[in-house]
Amino acid sequence: MRVRGTRHAARGTMDIPTSKDVIKFLNERFAARGLPYRLEHLAVLPYVNPMWLANWDAPQLADAPERDVIEEELREARWRFPQILDEY
């Protein structure tokens, strides 16, 4: 589900992805790699980062032993979804 954003003269209405979009994406990627992890929530900052760095993190995965694979998937998700809204 996407939340409708504000109107911008040059771009029209912007679709802003939500935490549910990122959770769905990452859970599908983890399943495709055969990893047993499934996210339930993300830590989302309450503001948009002006440098377009990701405004979210997945602390639920901090202690997972497959750090290399998980970091690779998190990098891809942060590239696709750098700024999100918290939908919980």
PDB file of N, CA and C in Angstrom:
ATOM      1  N   MET A   1       0.841  -1.180   0.000  1.00  0.00           N
ATOM      2  CA  MET A   1       0.000   0.000   0.000  1.00  0.00           C
ATOM      3  C   MET A   1       0.882   1.238   0.000  1.00  0.00           C
ATOM      4  N   ARG A   2       0.504   2.214  -0.762  1.00  0.00           N
ATOM      5  CA  ARG A   2       1.252   3.458  -0.807  1.00  0.00           C
ATOM      6  C   ARG A   2       0.375   4.589  -0.295  1.00  0.00           C
ATOM      7  N   VAL A   3       1.001   5.536   0.343  1.00  0.00           N
ATOM      8  CA  VAL A   3       0.299   6.688   0.891  1.00  0.00           C
ATOM      9  C   VAL A   3       0.478   7.846  -0.073  1.00  0.00           C
ATOM     10  N   ARG A   4      -0.592   8.530  -0.361  1.00  0.00           N
ATOM     11  CA  ARG A   4      -0.507   9.684  -1.247  1.00  0.00           C
ATOM     12  C   ARG A   4       0.241  10.801  -0.562  1.00  0.00           C
ATOM     13  N   GLY A   5       1.186  11.388  -1.268  1.00  0.00           N
ATOM     14  CA  GLY A   5       1.983  12.482  -0.716  1.00  0.00           C
ATOM     15  C   GLY A   5       1.388  13.835  -1.048  1.00  0.00           C
ATOM     16  N   THR A   6       2.190  14.846  -0.942  1.00  0.00           N
ATOM     17  CA  THR A   6       1.741  16.205  -1.207  1.00  0.00           C
ATOM     18  C   THR A   6       1.880  16.531  -2.684  1.00  0.00           C
ATOM     19  N   ARG A   7       1.200  17.561  -3.107  1.00  0.00           N
ATOM     20  CA  ARG A   7       1.306  18.000  -4.500  1.00  0.00           C
ATOM     21  C   ARG A   7       2.577  18.801  -4.676  1.00  0.00           C
ATOM     22  N   HIS A   8       3.225  18.593  -5.781  1.00  0.00           N
ATOM     23  CA  HIS A   8       4.424  19.343  -6.136  1.00  0.00           C
ATOM     24  C   HIS A   8       4.207  19.817  -7.565  1.00  0.00           C
ATOM     25  N   ALA A   9       4.423  21.088  -7.817  1.00  0.00           N
ATOM     26  CA  ALA A   9       4.127  21.673  -9.123  1.00  0.00           C
ATOM     27  C   ALA A   9       4.809  20.922 -10.263  1.00  0.00           C
ATOM     28  N   ALA A  10       6.038  20.496 -10.069  1.00  0.00           N
ATOM     29  CA  ALA A  10       6.787  19.846 -11.144  1.00  0.00           C
ATOM     30  C   ALA A  10       6.481  18.358 -11.258  1.00  0.00           C
ATOM     31  N   ARG A  11       6.107  17.720 -10.167  1.00  0.00           N
ATOM     32  CA  ARG A  11       5.968  16.271 -10.173  1.00  0.00           C
ATOM     33  C   ARG A  11       4.553  15.763  -9.974  1.00  0.00           C
ATOM     34  N   GLY A  12       3.614  16.613  -9.646  1.00  0.00           N
ATOM     35  CA  GLY A  12       2.270  16.141  -9.355  1.00  0.00           C
ATOM     36  C   GLY A  12       2.231  15.468  -7.998  1.00  0.00           C
ATOM     37  N   THR A  13       1.346  14.510  -7.834  1.00  0.00           N
ATOM     38  CA  THR A  13       1.241  13.800  -6.563  1.00  0.00           C
ATOM     39  C   THR A  13       2.320  12.728  -6.490  1.00  0.00           C
ATOM     40  N   MET A  14       3.017  12.681  -5.368  1.00  0.00           N
ATOM     41  CA  MET A  14       4.088  11.704  -5.184  1.00  0.00           C
ATOM     42  C   MET A  14       3.566  10.513  -4.385  1.00  0.00           C
ATOM     43  N   ASP A  15       3.940   9.311  -4.782  1.00  0.00           N
ATOM     44  CA  ASP A  15       3.648   8.115  -4.002  1.00  0.00           C
ATOM     45  C   ASP A  15       4.842   7.852  -3.101  1.00  0.00           C
ATOM     46  N   ILE A  16       4.593   7.783  -1.811  1.00  0.00           N
ATOM     47  CA  ILE A  16       5.663   7.545  -0.848  1.00  0.00           C
ATOM     48  C   ILE A  16       5.494   6.136  -0.306  1.00  0.00           C
ATOM     49  N   PRO A  17       6.508   5.288  -0.452  1.00  0.00           N
ATOM     50  CA  PRO A  17       6.387   3.929   0.080  1.00  0.00           C
ATOM     51  C   PRO A  17       6.287   3.939   1.600  1.00  0.00           C
ATOM     52  N   THR A  18       5.743   2.868   2.132  1.00  0.00           N
ATOM     53  CA  THR A  18       5.559   2.759   3.579  1.00  0.00           C
ATOM     54  C   THR A  18       6.417   1.621   4.136  1.00  0.00           C
ATOM     55  N   SER A  19       6.447   1.527   5.447  1.00  0.00           N
ATOM     56  CA  SER A  19       7.198   0.454   6.098  1.00  0.00           C
ATOM     57  C   SER A  19       6.665  -0.915   5.668  1.00  0.00           C
ATOM     58  N   LYS A  20       5.378  -1.024   5.416  1.00  0.00           N
ATOM     59  CA  LYS A  20       4.815  -2.303   4.962  1.00  0.00           C
ATOM     60  C   LYS A  20       5.372  -2.702   3.595  1.00  0.00           C
ATOM     61  N   ASP A  21       5.608  -1.725   2.716  1.00  0.00           N
ATOM     62  CA  ASP A  21       6.202  -2.020   1.411  1.00  0.00           C
ATOM     63  C   ASP A  21       7.601  -2.609   1.569  1.00  0.00           C
ATOM     64  N   VAL A  22       8.390  -2.028   2.458  1.00  0.00           N
ATOM     65  CA  VAL A  22       9.764  -2.491   2.667  1.00  0.00           C
ATOM     66  C   VAL A  22       9.767  -3.861   3.336  1.00  0.00           C
ATOM     67  N   ILE A  23       8.907  -4.054   4.326  1.00  0.00           N
ATOM     68  CA  ILE A  23       8.826  -5.349   5.004  1.00  0.00           C
ATOM     69  C   ILE A  23       8.447  -6.441   4.009  1.00  0.00           C
ATOM     70  N   LYS A  24       7.480  -6.172   3.159  1.00  0.00           N
ATOM     71  CA  LYS A  24       7.071  -7.148   2.145  1.00  0.00           C
ATOM     72  C   LYS A  24       8.237  -7.461   1.211  1.00  0.00           C
ATOM     73  N   PHE A  25       8.929  -6.437   0.728  1.00  0.00           N
ATOM     74  CA  PHE A  25      10.062  -6.624  -0.172  1.00  0.00           C
ATOM     75  C   PHE A  25      11.144  -7.479   0.485  1.00  0.00           C
ATOM     76  N   LEU A  26      11.544  -7.117   1.708  1.00  0.00           N
ATOM     77  CA  LEU A  26      12.619  -7.850   2.386  1.00  0.00           C
ATOM     78  C   LEU A  26      12.206  -9.280   2.726  1.00  0.00           C
ATOM     79  N   ASN A  27      10.994  -9.487   3.182  1.00  0.00           N
ATOM     80  CA  ASN A  27      10.553 -10.846   3.499  1.00  0.00           C
ATOM     81  C   ASN A  27      10.539 -11.730   2.256  1.00  0.00           C
ATOM     82  N   GLU A  28      10.156 -11.173   1.109  1.00  0.00           N
ATOM     83  CA  GLU A  28      10.200 -11.932  -0.145  1.00  0.00           C
ATOM     84  C   GLU A  28      11.638 -12.269  -0.520  1.00  0.00           C
ATOM     85  N   ARG A  29      12.547 -11.327  -0.347  1.00  0.00           N
ATOM     86  CA  ARG A  29      13.967 -11.560  -0.657  1.00  0.00           C
ATOM     87  C   ARG A  29      14.570 -12.606   0.276  1.00  0.00           C
ATOM     88  N   PHE A  30      14.247 -12.527   1.574  1.00  0.00           N
ATOM     89  CA  PHE A  30      14.766 -13.517   2.522  1.00  0.00           C
ATOM     90  C   PHE A  30      14.236 -14.910   2.180  1.00  0.00           C
ATOM     91  N   ALA A  31      12.962 -15.013   1.831  1.00  0.00           N
ATOM     92  CA  ALA A  31      12.381 -16.306   1.456  1.00  0.00           C
ATOM     93  C   ALA A  31      13.058 -16.852   0.202  1.00  0.00           C
ATOM     94  N   ALA A  32      13.322 -15.988  -0.783  1.00  0.00           N
ATOM     95  CA  ALA A  32      13.972 -16.418  -2.021  1.00  0.00           C
ATOM     96  C   ALA A  32      15.381 -16.951  -1.764  1.00  0.00           C
ATOM     97  N   ARG A  33      16.038 -16.431  -0.754  1.00  0.00           N
ATOM     98  CA  ARG A  33      17.395 -16.888  -0.408  1.00  0.00           C
ATOM     99  C   ARG A  33      17.385 -18.040   0.597  1.00  0.00           C
ATOM    100  N   GLY A  34      16.212 -18.453   1.023  1.00  0.00           N
ATOM    101  CA  GLY A  34      16.110 -19.549   1.969  1.00  0.00           C
ATOM    102  C   GLY A  34      16.469 -19.169   3.396  1.00  0.00           C
ATOM    103  N   LEU A  35      16.426 -17.880   3.697  1.00  0.00           N
ATOM    104  CA  LEU A  35      16.718 -17.422   5.060  1.00  0.00           C
ATOM    105  C   LEU A  35      15.471 -17.552   5.929  1.00  0.00           C
ATOM    106  N   PRO A  36      15.631 -17.900   7.197  1.00  0.00           N
ATOM    107  CA  PRO A  36      14.472 -18.113   8.065  1.00  0.00           C
ATOM    108  C   PRO A  36      13.872 -16.836   8.652  1.00  0.00           C
ATOM    109  N   TYR A  37      14.417 -15.687   8.315  1.00  0.00           N
ATOM    110  CA  TYR A  37      13.991 -14.444   8.963  1.00  0.00           C
ATOM    111  C   TYR A  37      12.802 -13.824   8.252  1.00  0.00           C
ATOM    112  N   ARG A  38      11.871 -13.279   9.050  1.00  0.00           N
ATOM    113  CA  ARG A  38      10.749 -12.506   8.528  1.00  0.00           C
ATOM    114  C   ARG A  38      10.594 -11.287   9.425  1.00  0.00           C
ATOM    115  N   LEU A  39      10.598 -10.134   8.804  1.00  0.00           N
ATOM    116  CA  LEU A  39      10.449  -8.887   9.557  1.00  0.00           C
ATOM    117  C   LEU A  39       8.998  -8.671   9.957  1.00  0.00           C
ATOM    118  N   GLU A  40       8.822  -8.082  11.113  1.00  0.00           N
ATOM    119  CA  GLU A  40       7.494  -7.701  11.581  1.00  0.00           C
ATOM    120  C   GLU A  40       7.345  -6.191  11.640  1.00  0.00           C
ATOM    121  N   HIS A  41       8.454  -5.489  11.842  1.00  0.00           N
ATOM    122  CA  HIS A  41       8.402  -4.025  11.926  1.00  0.00           C
ATOM    123  C   HIS A  41       9.773  -3.435  11.577  1.00  0.00           C
ATOM    124  N   LEU A  42       9.783  -2.156  11.270  1.00  0.00           N
ATOM    125  CA  LEU A  42      11.005  -1.392  11.010  1.00  0.00           C
ATOM    126  C   LEU A  42      11.035  -0.196  11.946  1.00  0.00           C
ATOM    127  N   ALA A  43      12.217   0.270  12.235  1.00  0.00           N
ATOM    128  CA  ALA A  43      12.374   1.520  12.986  1.00  0.00           C
ATOM    129  C   ALA A  43      12.447   2.642  11.953  1.00  0.00           C
ATOM    130  N   VAL A  44      11.445   3.513  11.948  1.00  0.00           N
ATOM    131  CA  VAL A  44      11.363   4.589  10.957  1.00  0.00           C
ATOM    132  C   VAL A  44      11.507   5.929  11.668  1.00  0.00           C
ATOM    133  N   LEU A  45      12.432   6.741  11.179  1.00  0.00           N
ATOM    134  CA  LEU A  45      12.594   8.080  11.734  1.00  0.00           C
ATOM    135  C   LEU A  45      11.371   8.920  11.384  1.00  0.00           C
ATOM    136  N   PRO A  46      10.985   9.857  12.244  1.00  0.00           N
ATOM    137  CA  PRO A  46       9.769  10.643  12.006  1.00  0.00           C
ATOM    138  C   PRO A  46       9.961  11.803  11.033  1.00  0.00           C
ATOM    139  N   TYR A  47      11.033  11.810  10.285  1.00  0.00           N
ATOM    140  CA  TYR A  47      11.274  12.897   9.338  1.00  0.00           C
ATOM    141  C   TYR A  47      11.955  12.350   8.092  1.00  0.00           C
ATOM    142  N   VAL A  48      11.946  13.139   7.034  1.00  0.00           N
ATOM    143  CA  VAL A  48      12.618  12.782   5.791  1.00  0.00           C
ATOM    144  C   VAL A  48      14.022  13.345   5.841  1.00  0.00           C
ATOM    145  N   ASN A  49      14.990  12.518   5.538  1.00  0.00           N
ATOM    146  CA  ASN A  49      16.388  12.923   5.567  1.00  0.00           C
ATOM    147  C   ASN A  49      16.693  13.778   4.339  1.00  0.00           C
ATOM    148  N   PRO A  50      17.206  14.985   4.513  1.00  0.00           N
ATOM    149  CA  PRO A  50      17.464  15.862   3.369  1.00  0.00           C
ATOM    150  C   PRO A  50      18.562  15.355   2.436  1.00  0.00           C
ATOM    151  N   MET A  51      19.395  14.453   2.884  1.00  0.00           N
ATOM    152  CA  MET A  51      20.457  13.907   2.034  1.00  0.00           C
ATOM    153  C   MET A  51      19.996  12.649   1.299  1.00  0.00           C
ATOM    154  N   TRP A  52      18.743  12.300   1.415  1.00  0.00           N
ATOM    155  CA  TRP A  52      18.145  11.118   0.807  1.00  0.00           C
ATOM    156  C   TRP A  52      18.786   9.826   1.277  1.00  0.00           C
ATOM    157  N   LEU A  53      19.312   9.854   2.496  1.00  0.00           N
ATOM    158  CA  LEU A  53      19.752   8.619   3.122  1.00  0.00           C
ATOM    159  C   LEU A  53      18.517   7.921   3.675  1.00  0.00           C
ATOM    160  N   ALA A  54      18.603   6.641   3.860  1.00  0.00           N
ATOM    161  CA  ALA A  54      17.446   5.901   4.360  1.00  0.00           C
ATOM    162  C   ALA A  54      17.023   6.417   5.734  1.00  0.00           C
ATOM    163  N   ASN A  55      15.723   6.568   5.908  1.00  0.00           N
ATOM    164  CA  ASN A  55      15.195   7.019   7.199  1.00  0.00           C
ATOM    165  C   ASN A  55      14.616   5.845   7.991  1.00  0.00           C
ATOM    166  N   TRP A  56      15.121   4.637   7.726  1.00  0.00           N
ATOM    167  CA  TRP A  56      14.626   3.459   8.419  1.00  0.00           C
ATOM    168  C   TRP A  56      15.755   2.460   8.662  1.00  0.00           C
ATOM    169  N   ASP A  57      15.504   1.534   9.592  1.00  0.00           N
ATOM    170  CA  ASP A  57      16.459   0.475   9.894  1.00  0.00           C
ATOM    171  C   ASP A  57      15.678  -0.761  10.338  1.00  0.00           C
ATOM    172  N   ALA A  58      16.358  -1.901  10.354  1.00  0.00           N
ATOM    173  CA  ALA A  58      15.739  -3.164  10.744  1.00  0.00           C
ATOM    174  C   ALA A  58      16.466  -3.743  11.958  1.00  0.00           C
ATOM    175  N   PRO A  59      16.240  -3.175  13.155  1.00  0.00           N
ATOM    176  CA  PRO A  59      16.956  -3.652  14.344  1.00  0.00           C
ATOM    177  C   PRO A  59      16.631  -5.099  14.711  1.00  0.00           C
ATOM    178  N   GLN A  60      15.525  -5.614  14.234  1.00  0.00           N
ATOM    179  CA  GLN A  60      15.136  -7.000  14.490  1.00  0.00           C
ATOM    180  C   GLN A  60      16.188  -7.977  13.953  1.00  0.00           C
ATOM    181  N   LEU A  61      16.971  -7.557  12.943  1.00  0.00           N
ATOM    182  CA  LEU A  61      17.965  -8.434  12.319  1.00  0.00           C
ATOM    183  C   LEU A  61      19.379  -8.225  12.854  1.00  0.00           C
ATOM    184  N   ALA A  62      19.538  -7.399  13.860  1.00  0.00           N
ATOM    185  CA  ALA A  62      20.873  -7.026  14.344  1.00  0.00           C
ATOM    186  C   ALA A  62      21.706  -8.216  14.805  1.00  0.00           C
ATOM    187  N   ASP A  63      21.091  -9.225  15.374  1.00  0.00           N
ATOM    188  CA  ASP A  63      21.841 -10.367  15.904  1.00  0.00           C
ATOM    189  C   ASP A  63      21.839 -11.582  14.986  1.00  0.00           C
ATOM    190  N   ALA A  64      21.340 -11.434  13.775  1.00  0.00           N
ATOM    191  CA  ALA A  64      21.287 -12.568  12.852  1.00  0.00           C
ATOM    192  C   ALA A  64      22.704 -12.955  12.414  1.00  0.00           C
ATOM    193  N   PRO A  65      23.010 -14.248  12.370  1.00  0.00           N
ATOM    194  CA  PRO A  65      24.369 -14.671  12.029  1.00  0.00           C
ATOM    195  C   PRO A  65      24.745 -14.476  10.555  1.00  0.00           C
ATOM    196  N   GLU A  66      23.796 -14.441   9.653  1.00  0.00           N
ATOM    197  CA  GLU A  66      24.097 -14.296   8.220  1.00  0.00           C
ATOM    198  C   GLU A  66      24.229 -12.827   7.837  1.00  0.00           C
ATOM    199  N   ARG A  67      25.094 -12.087   8.502  1.00  0.00           N
ATOM    200  CA  ARG A  67      25.197 -10.630   8.332  1.00  0.00           C
ATOM    201  C   ARG A  67      25.498 -10.219   6.895  1.00  0.00           C
ATOM    202  N   ASP A  68      26.380 -10.916   6.204  1.00  0.00           N
ATOM    203  CA  ASP A  68      26.748 -10.513   4.846  1.00  0.00           C
ATOM    204  C   ASP A  68      25.547 -10.536   3.908  1.00  0.00           C
ATOM    205  N   VAL A  69      24.798 -11.614   3.941  1.00  0.00           N
ATOM    206  CA  VAL A  69      23.626 -11.751   3.069  1.00  0.00           C
ATOM    207  C   VAL A  69      22.554 -10.737   3.462  1.00  0.00           C
ATOM    208  N   ILE A  70      22.334 -10.591   4.753  1.00  0.00           N
ATOM    209  CA  ILE A  70      21.312  -9.655   5.229  1.00  0.00           C
ATOM    210  C   ILE A  70      21.687  -8.225   4.876  1.00  0.00           C
ATOM    211  N   GLU A  71      22.944  -7.856   5.059  1.00  0.00           N
ATOM    212  CA  GLU A  71      23.385  -6.499   4.704  1.00  0.00           C
ATOM    213  C   GLU A  71      23.221  -6.233   3.212  1.00  0.00           C
ATOM    214  N   GLU A  72      23.476  -7.244   2.394  1.00  0.00           N
ATOM    215  CA  GLU A  72      23.287  -7.092   0.948  1.00  0.00           C
ATOM    216  C   GLU A  72      21.824  -6.787   0.627  1.00  0.00           C
ATOM    217  N   GLU A  73      20.914  -7.511   1.254  1.00  0.00           N
ATOM    218  CA  GLU A  73      19.486  -7.278   1.026  1.00  0.00           C
ATOM    219  C   GLU A  73      19.041  -5.926   1.583  1.00  0.00           C
ATOM    220  N   LEU A  74      19.569  -5.538   2.739  1.00  0.00           N
ATOM    221  CA  LEU A  74      19.227  -4.227   3.302  1.00  0.00           C
ATOM    222  C   LEU A  74      19.724  -3.097   2.407  1.00  0.00           C
ATOM    223  N   ARG A  75      20.919  -3.251   1.844  1.00  0.00           N
ATOM    224  CA  ARG A  75      21.433  -2.222   0.915  1.00  0.00           C
ATOM    225  C   ARG A  75      20.513  -2.062  -0.290  1.00  0.00           C
ATOM    226  N   GLU A  76      20.090  -3.189  -0.852  1.00  0.00           N
ATOM    227  CA  GLU A  76      19.185  -3.144  -2.004  1.00  0.00           C
ATOM    228  C   GLU A  76      17.859  -2.474  -1.627  1.00  0.00           C
ATOM    229  N   ALA A  77      17.327  -2.822  -0.465  1.00  0.00           N
ATOM    230  CA  ALA A  77      16.059  -2.230  -0.020  1.00  0.00           C
ATOM    231  C   ALA A  77      16.216  -0.735   0.239  1.00  0.00           C
ATOM    232  N   ARG A  78      17.337  -0.330   0.822  1.00  0.00           N
ATOM    233  CA  ARG A  78      17.559   1.104   1.072  1.00  0.00           C
ATOM    234  C   ARG A  78      17.718   1.868  -0.236  1.00  0.00           C
ATOM    235  N   TRP A  79      18.262   1.233  -1.256  1.00  0.00           N
ATOM    236  CA  TRP A  79      18.383   1.870  -2.567  1.00  0.00           C
ATOM    237  C   TRP A  79      16.996   2.046  -3.193  1.00  0.00           C
ATOM    238  N   ARG A  80      16.162   1.029  -3.082  1.00  0.00           N
ATOM    239  CA  ARG A  80      14.812   1.088  -3.660  1.00  0.00           C
ATOM    240  C   ARG A  80      13.854   1.953  -2.847  1.00  0.00           C
ATOM    241  N   PHE A  81      14.020   1.934  -1.530  1.00  0.00           N
ATOM    242  CA  PHE A  81      13.108   2.633  -0.622  1.00  0.00           C
ATOM    243  C   PHE A  81      13.894   3.497   0.364  1.00  0.00           C
ATOM    244  N   PRO A  82      14.518   4.577  -0.093  1.00  0.00           N
ATOM    245  CA  PRO A  82      15.339   5.366   0.838  1.00  0.00           C
ATOM    246  C   PRO A  82      14.510   6.125   1.874  1.00  0.00           C
ATOM    247  N   GLN A  83      13.369   6.615   1.494  1.00  0.00           N
ATOM    248  CA  GLN A  83      12.517   7.400   2.388  1.00  0.00           C
ATOM    249  C   GLN A  83      11.146   6.741   2.433  1.00  0.00           C
ATOM    250  N   ILE A  84      10.705   6.395   3.644  1.00  0.00           N
ATOM    251  CA  ILE A  84       9.408   5.737   3.786  1.00  0.00           C
ATOM    252  C   ILE A  84       8.616   6.385   4.914  1.00  0.00           C
ATOM    253  N   LEU A  85       7.337   6.050   4.944  1.00  0.00           N
ATOM    254  CA  LEU A  85       6.464   6.462   6.043  1.00  0.00           C
ATOM    255  C   LEU A  85       6.191   5.248   6.917  1.00  0.00           C
ATOM    256  N   ASP A  86       6.058   5.457   8.208  1.00  0.00           N
ATOM    257  CA  ASP A  86       5.741   4.373   9.128  1.00  0.00           C
ATOM    258  C   ASP A  86       4.245   4.109   9.055  1.00  0.00           C
ATOM    259  N   GLU A  87       3.868   2.880   8.753  1.00  0.00           N
ATOM    260  CA  GLU A  87       2.450   2.568   8.584  1.00  0.00           C
ATOM    261  C   GLU A  87       1.898   1.715   9.720  1.00  0.00           C
ATOM    262  N   TYR A  88       2.529   1.709  10.862  1.00  0.00           N
ATOM    263  CA  TYR A  88       2.017   0.923  11.992  1.00  0.00           C
ATOM    264  C   TYR A  88       1.550   1.807  13.087  1.00  0.00           C
TER     265      TYR A  88
END
